[in-house]
Amino acid sequence: MKFSWCTITVNNMEESLNFYQEIVGLPMHQRFSPRPDMDISFLGDGETKIELIHDPHHPAPGNVEGISIGFEVKSVDEMINFIQEKGLQVESGPFQPTPQVKFFFVRDPNGVSVQFVEHIS
């Protein structure tokens, strides 16, 4: 079995696209509207894909506890600087539970916890 994508319900498609494209670095794969008031975007390529859905009949749930999505970065310290330069706040961390792993968390515009992790060799 292969993991296909993670679906996130969003309140503002453009704000969410900005976060996942500009901050996370995922390219637009596909965008379409199955009906006039609904917008769906798939971001990413290769193994990493995110589906964003904007549907005014189903608003985003807000801060969802106990679930996070993670992205690997070359340097946690550089990513923290980048996040702060973009005006975003680090929610928690950085943490380094072992010498080989360092990570921190931010919230996306919809309250989803996003982890950035560095694997140190």
C-alpha atoms as a PDB file:
ATOM      1  CA  MET A   1       0.000   0.000   0.000  1.00  0.00           C
ATOM      2  CA  LYS A   2       1.216   3.499  -0.802  1.00  0.00           C
ATOM      3  CA  PHE A   3       0.250   6.751   0.942  1.00  0.00           C
ATOM      4  CA  SER A   4      -1.376   9.085  -1.623  1.00  0.00           C
ATOM      5  CA  TRP A   5      -1.983  12.475   0.019  1.00  0.00           C
ATOM      6  CA  CYS A   6      -3.193  14.359   3.075  1.00  0.00           C
ATOM      7  CA  THR A   7      -6.427  16.348   2.677  1.00  0.00           C
ATOM      8  CA  ILE A   8      -6.866  19.659   4.499  1.00  0.00           C
ATOM      9  CA  THR A   9     -10.138  21.594   4.558  1.00  0.00           C
ATOM     10  CA  VAL A  10      -9.310  25.304   4.280  1.00  0.00           C
ATOM     11  CA  ASN A  11     -11.207  28.511   4.943  1.00  0.00           C
ATOM     12  CA  ASN A  12      -9.157  30.630   2.513  1.00  0.00           C
ATOM     13  CA  MET A  13      -7.659  28.856  -0.498  1.00  0.00           C
ATOM     14  CA  GLU A  14      -5.262  31.647  -1.490  1.00  0.00           C
ATOM     15  CA  GLU A  15      -3.845  32.015   2.032  1.00  0.00           C
ATOM     16  CA  SER A  16      -3.425  28.244   2.278  1.00  0.00           C
ATOM     17  CA  LEU A  17      -1.822  28.014  -1.167  1.00  0.00           C
ATOM     18  CA  ASN A  18       0.605  30.752  -0.164  1.00  0.00           C
ATOM     19  CA  PHE A  19       1.618  28.811   2.969  1.00  0.00           C
ATOM     20  CA  TYR A  20       2.102  25.453   1.262  1.00  0.00           C
ATOM     21  CA  GLN A  21       3.773  26.889  -1.829  1.00  0.00           C
ATOM     22  CA  GLU A  22       5.870  29.702  -0.349  1.00  0.00           C
ATOM     23  CA  ILE A  23       6.670  28.339   3.122  1.00  0.00           C
ATOM     24  CA  VAL A  24       6.671  24.563   2.622  1.00  0.00           C
ATOM     25  CA  GLY A  25       7.802  24.736  -1.016  1.00  0.00           C
ATOM     26  CA  LEU A  26       5.248  22.440  -2.636  1.00  0.00           C
ATOM     27  CA  PRO A  27       4.544  23.143  -6.319  1.00  0.00           C
ATOM     28  CA  MET A  28       1.011  23.306  -7.702  1.00  0.00           C
ATOM     29  CA  HIS A  29       0.101  19.980  -9.279  1.00  0.00           C
ATOM     30  CA  GLN A  30      -3.577  20.502 -10.145  1.00  0.00           C
ATOM     31  CA  ARG A  31      -6.387  22.944  -9.327  1.00  0.00           C
ATOM     32  CA  PHE A  32     -10.051  22.622 -10.262  1.00  0.00           C
ATOM     33  CA  SER A  33     -13.604  23.456  -9.198  1.00  0.00           C
ATOM     34  CA  PRO A  34     -16.006  20.502  -9.257  1.00  0.00           C
ATOM     35  CA  ARG A  35     -18.845  22.975  -8.672  1.00  0.00           C
ATOM     36  CA  PRO A  36     -19.039  26.791  -8.657  1.00  0.00           C
ATOM     37  CA  ASP A  37     -18.560  27.259  -4.895  1.00  0.00           C
ATOM     38  CA  MET A  38     -15.901  24.565  -4.350  1.00  0.00           C
ATOM     39  CA  ASP A  39     -12.159  24.766  -5.040  1.00  0.00           C
ATOM     40  CA  ILE A  40      -9.665  21.867  -4.862  1.00  0.00           C
ATOM     41  CA  SER A  41      -5.887  22.109  -5.192  1.00  0.00           C
ATOM     42  CA  PHE A  42      -3.294  19.360  -5.205  1.00  0.00           C
ATOM     43  CA  LEU A  43       0.227  20.433  -4.303  1.00  0.00           C
ATOM     44  CA  GLY A  44       3.474  18.532  -4.478  1.00  0.00           C
ATOM     45  CA  ASP A  45       5.146  16.011  -6.671  1.00  0.00           C
ATOM     46  CA  GLY A  46       6.733  12.646  -6.153  1.00  0.00           C
ATOM     47  CA  GLU A  47       5.881  11.087  -2.797  1.00  0.00           C
ATOM     48  CA  THR A  48       4.738  14.297  -1.050  1.00  0.00           C
ATOM     49  CA  LYS A  49       1.226  15.518  -1.880  1.00  0.00           C
ATOM     50  CA  ILE A  50      -1.286  17.731  -0.081  1.00  0.00           C
ATOM     51  CA  GLU A  51      -4.899  18.234  -1.145  1.00  0.00           C
ATOM     52  CA  LEU A  52      -6.523  21.524  -0.138  1.00  0.00           C
ATOM     53  CA  ILE A  53     -10.313  21.788  -0.303  1.00  0.00           C
ATOM     54  CA  HIS A  54     -12.289  24.987   0.084  1.00  0.00           C
ATOM     55  CA  ASP A  55     -16.026  24.383   0.448  1.00  0.00           C
ATOM     56  CA  PRO A  56     -18.130  27.051   2.193  1.00  0.00           C
ATOM     57  CA  HIS A  57     -20.556  24.316   3.270  1.00  0.00           C
ATOM     58  CA  HIS A  58     -17.766  22.556   5.209  1.00  0.00           C
ATOM     59  CA  PRO A  59     -15.517  25.074   7.023  1.00  0.00           C
ATOM     60  CA  ALA A  60     -12.071  24.135   8.361  1.00  0.00           C
ATOM     61  CA  PRO A  61     -12.248  22.672  11.865  1.00  0.00           C
ATOM     62  CA  GLY A  62      -9.589  25.009  13.348  1.00  0.00           C
ATOM     63  CA  ASN A  63      -6.790  23.791  15.589  1.00  0.00           C
ATOM     64  CA  VAL A  64      -6.816  20.025  15.348  1.00  0.00           C
ATOM     65  CA  GLU A  65      -4.993  18.452  18.278  1.00  0.00           C
ATOM     66  CA  GLY A  66      -3.098  15.199  18.046  1.00  0.00           C
ATOM     67  CA  ILE A  67      -2.409  15.304  14.298  1.00  0.00           C
ATOM     68  CA  SER A  68       0.512  16.939  12.512  1.00  0.00           C
ATOM     69  CA  ILE A  69       2.075  16.720   9.084  1.00  0.00           C
ATOM     70  CA  GLY A  70       5.841  16.723   8.732  1.00  0.00           C
ATOM     71  CA  PHE A  71       8.297  17.958   6.147  1.00  0.00           C
ATOM     72  CA  GLU A  72      12.031  17.313   6.048  1.00  0.00           C
ATOM     73  CA  VAL A  73      14.321  20.352   5.779  1.00  0.00           C
ATOM     74  CA  LYS A  74      18.078  20.676   5.359  1.00  0.00           C
ATOM     75  CA  SER A  75      18.440  22.916   8.407  1.00  0.00           C
ATOM     76  CA  VAL A  76      15.955  23.561  11.221  1.00  0.00           C
ATOM     77  CA  ASP A  77      17.817  26.735  12.209  1.00  0.00           C
ATOM     78  CA  GLU A  78      17.603  28.138   8.661  1.00  0.00           C
ATOM     79  CA  MET A  79      13.916  27.181   8.431  1.00  0.00           C
ATOM     80  CA  ILE A  80      13.145  28.909  11.733  1.00  0.00           C
ATOM     81  CA  ASN A  81      14.819  32.078  10.425  1.00  0.00           C
ATOM     82  CA  PHE A  82      12.838  31.810   7.172  1.00  0.00           C
ATOM     83  CA  ILE A  83       9.552  31.280   9.072  1.00  0.00           C
ATOM     84  CA  GLN A  84      10.220  34.321  11.251  1.00  0.00           C
ATOM     85  CA  GLU A  85      11.227  36.468   8.247  1.00  0.00           C
ATOM     86  CA  LYS A  86       7.842  35.616   6.705  1.00  0.00           C
ATOM     87  CA  GLY A  87       6.098  36.884   9.852  1.00  0.00           C
ATOM     88  CA  LEU A  88       5.048  33.470  11.156  1.00  0.00           C
ATOM     89  CA  GLN A  89       5.557  32.199  14.676  1.00  0.00           C
ATOM     90  CA  VAL A  90       7.164  28.998  15.831  1.00  0.00           C
ATOM     91  CA  GLU A  91       4.491  27.197  17.842  1.00  0.00           C
ATOM     92  CA  SER A  92       6.909  24.945  19.719  1.00  0.00           C
ATOM     93  CA  GLY A  93      10.515  23.865  19.572  1.00  0.00           C
ATOM     94  CA  PRO A  94      13.089  23.431  18.369  1.00  0.00           C
ATOM     95  CA  PHE A  95      13.452  20.035  20.007  1.00  0.00           C
ATOM     96  CA  GLN A  96      16.354  17.613  19.647  1.00  0.00           C
ATOM     97  CA  PRO A  97      15.342  14.317  21.269  1.00  0.00           C
ATOM     98  CA  THR A  98      18.381  12.524  19.813  1.00  0.00           C
ATOM     99  CA  PRO A  99      21.626  13.761  18.245  1.00  0.00           C
ATOM    100  CA  GLN A 100      20.263  12.730  14.819  1.00  0.00           C
ATOM    101  CA  VAL A 101      16.879  14.538  14.848  1.00  0.00           C
ATOM    102  CA  LYS A 102      15.890  18.164  15.372  1.00  0.00           C
ATOM    103  CA  PHE A 103      12.420  19.622  14.728  1.00  0.00           C
ATOM    104  CA  PHE A 104       9.907  22.385  15.434  1.00  0.00           C
ATOM    105  CA  PHE A 105       6.227  23.117  14.805  1.00  0.00           C
ATOM    106  CA  VAL A 106       4.173  25.932  13.248  1.00  0.00           C
ATOM    107  CA  ARG A 107       0.439  26.160  12.488  1.00  0.00           C
ATOM    108  CA  ASP A 108      -0.801  26.556   8.938  1.00  0.00           C
ATOM    109  CA  PRO A 109      -3.541  29.161   8.240  1.00  0.00           C
ATOM    110  CA  ASN A 110      -6.189  26.536   9.092  1.00  0.00           C
ATOM    111  CA  GLY A 111      -4.768  25.473  12.444  1.00  0.00           C
ATOM    112  CA  VAL A 112      -3.045  22.327  11.193  1.00  0.00           C
ATOM    113  CA  SER A 113       0.190  21.559  13.060  1.00  0.00           C
ATOM    114  CA  VAL A 114       3.114  21.431  10.637  1.00  0.00           C
ATOM    115  CA  GLN A 115       6.435  19.928  11.702  1.00  0.00           C
ATOM    116  CA  PHE A 116       9.759  20.731  10.050  1.00  0.00           C
ATOM    117  CA  VAL A 117      12.403  18.097  10.808  1.00  0.00           C
ATOM    118  CA  GLU A 118      16.132  17.893  10.151  1.00  0.00           C
ATOM    119  CA  HIS A 119      17.895  14.531  10.053  1.00  0.00           C
ATOM    120  CA  ILE A 120      21.464  15.092  11.215  1.00  0.00           C
ATOM    121  CA  SER A 121      24.177  12.706  10.050  1.00  0.00           C
END
